[in-house]
Amino acid sequence: MMLLAILLPFLSFMVRGKVLTGIVCLILQITLIGWLPAAIWAVLSLNNERADRRNDKLIKAMRKNQK
C-alpha cells in the first residue's frame, strides 16, 4: 500500500474509499510539480490512518481490561 501511495497517490485514496480526496489528489498529481506533494500527502494520510487504527485498538484493549 505504501508503494501505491508513492507511485500513484490518487489511487491510494481511491482504494481506501476516499473518492473525493482521490479526485483532488489526481488533479494535484496531473502537474509534474504537484506529483511530489500529492505523494507526500498520500503517504502521510496512510500513516495517520494506520496510527488511528492502532490507537483505537489500544483504547479498546484498555477498556476491556478495566471491566
C-alpha atoms as a PDB file:
ATOM      1  CA  MET A   1       0.000   0.000   0.000  1.00  0.00           C
ATOM      2  CA  MET A   2       2.903   2.347   0.750  1.00  0.00           C
ATOM      3  CA  LEU A   3       4.354   1.776  -2.726  1.00  0.00           C
ATOM      4  CA  LEU A   4       0.973   2.576  -4.234  1.00  0.00           C
ATOM      5  CA  ALA A   5       0.817   5.790  -2.189  1.00  0.00           C
ATOM      6  CA  ILE A   6       4.192   6.847  -3.577  1.00  0.00           C
ATOM      7  CA  LEU A   7       3.742   5.845  -7.217  1.00  0.00           C
ATOM      8  CA  LEU A   8       0.020   6.568  -7.708  1.00  0.00           C
ATOM      9  CA  PRO A   9      -1.118   8.754  -4.822  1.00  0.00           C
ATOM     10  CA  PHE A  10      -4.657   9.280  -6.111  1.00  0.00           C
ATOM     11  CA  LEU A  11      -5.209   5.527  -6.413  1.00  0.00           C
ATOM     12  CA  SER A  12      -4.134   5.056  -2.800  1.00  0.00           C
ATOM     13  CA  PHE A  13      -7.023   7.283  -1.706  1.00  0.00           C
ATOM     14  CA  MET A  14      -9.482   5.604  -4.080  1.00  0.00           C
ATOM     15  CA  VAL A  15      -8.649   2.113  -2.794  1.00  0.00           C
ATOM     16  CA  ARG A  16      -9.253   3.263   0.789  1.00  0.00           C
ATOM     17  CA  GLY A  17     -12.696   4.616  -0.156  1.00  0.00           C
ATOM     18  CA  LYS A  18     -11.858   8.316  -0.156  1.00  0.00           C
ATOM     19  CA  VAL A  19     -13.113   9.077  -3.653  1.00  0.00           C
ATOM     20  CA  LEU A  20     -13.398  12.874  -3.414  1.00  0.00           C
ATOM     21  CA  THR A  21      -9.953  13.135  -1.845  1.00  0.00           C
ATOM     22  CA  GLY A  22      -8.626  10.862  -4.585  1.00  0.00           C
ATOM     23  CA  ILE A  23     -10.030  13.156  -7.276  1.00  0.00           C
ATOM     24  CA  VAL A  24      -8.466  16.223  -5.652  1.00  0.00           C
ATOM     25  CA  CYS A  25      -5.180  14.349  -5.373  1.00  0.00           C
ATOM     26  CA  LEU A  26      -5.387  13.330  -9.044  1.00  0.00           C
ATOM     27  CA  ILE A  27      -5.867  16.949 -10.077  1.00  0.00           C
ATOM     28  CA  LEU A  28      -2.814  17.874  -7.999  1.00  0.00           C
ATOM     29  CA  GLN A  29      -0.846  14.923  -9.343  1.00  0.00           C
ATOM     30  CA  ILE A  30      -1.505  15.794 -13.005  1.00  0.00           C
ATOM     31  CA  THR A  31       1.059  18.572 -12.842  1.00  0.00           C
ATOM     32  CA  LEU A  32       4.673  17.472 -12.614  1.00  0.00           C
ATOM     33  CA  ILE A  33       5.344  19.866  -9.744  1.00  0.00           C
ATOM     34  CA  GLY A  34       2.225  18.670  -7.908  1.00  0.00           C
ATOM     35  CA  TRP A  35       3.142  14.987  -8.049  1.00  0.00           C
ATOM     36  CA  LEU A  36       5.622  15.217  -5.147  1.00  0.00           C
ATOM     37  CA  PRO A  37       3.193  16.997  -2.775  1.00  0.00           C
ATOM     38  CA  ALA A  38       0.474  14.516  -3.786  1.00  0.00           C
ATOM     39  CA  ALA A  39       2.757  11.579  -2.971  1.00  0.00           C
ATOM     40  CA  ILE A  40       3.723  13.090   0.375  1.00  0.00           C
ATOM     41  CA  TRP A  41       0.058  13.757   1.169  1.00  0.00           C
ATOM     42  CA  ALA A  42      -0.894  10.167   0.349  1.00  0.00           C
ATOM     43  CA  VAL A  43       1.914   8.691   2.470  1.00  0.00           C
ATOM     44  CA  LEU A  44       1.091  10.922   5.448  1.00  0.00           C
ATOM     45  CA  SER A  45      -2.588  10.083   5.137  1.00  0.00           C
ATOM     46  CA  LEU A  46      -1.800   6.375   5.076  1.00  0.00           C
ATOM     47  CA  ASN A  47       0.416   6.674   8.155  1.00  0.00           C
ATOM     48  CA  ASN A  48      -2.262   8.669  10.012  1.00  0.00           C
ATOM     49  CA  GLU A  49      -4.883   6.052   9.185  1.00  0.00           C
ATOM     50  CA  ARG A  50      -2.620   3.283  10.488  1.00  0.00           C
ATOM     51  CA  ALA A  51      -1.939   5.252  13.685  1.00  0.00           C
ATOM     52  CA  ASP A  52      -5.675   5.832  14.208  1.00  0.00           C
ATOM     53  CA  ARG A  53      -6.368   2.098  13.875  1.00  0.00           C
ATOM     54  CA  ARG A  54      -3.538   1.294  16.296  1.00  0.00           C
ATOM     55  CA  ASN A  55      -4.848   3.839  18.836  1.00  0.00           C
ATOM     56  CA  ASP A  56      -8.403   2.513  18.556  1.00  0.00           C
ATOM     57  CA  LYS A  57      -7.124  -0.999  19.191  1.00  0.00           C
ATOM     58  CA  LEU A  58      -5.210   0.162  22.281  1.00  0.00           C
ATOM     59  CA  ILE A  59      -8.223   2.064  23.634  1.00  0.00           C
ATOM     60  CA  LYS A  60     -10.457  -0.996  23.201  1.00  0.00           C
ATOM     61  CA  ALA A  61      -7.894  -3.171  24.994  1.00  0.00           C
ATOM     62  CA  MET A  62      -7.640  -0.692  27.872  1.00  0.00           C
ATOM     63  CA  ARG A  63     -11.431  -0.511  28.247  1.00  0.00           C
ATOM     64  CA  LYS A  64     -11.674  -4.289  28.173  1.00  0.00           C
ATOM     65  CA  ASN A  65      -9.074  -4.627  30.937  1.00  0.00           C
ATOM     66  CA  GLN A  66     -10.793  -2.046  33.159  1.00  0.00           C
ATOM     67  CA  LYS A  67     -14.019  -4.048  33.325  1.00  0.00           C
END
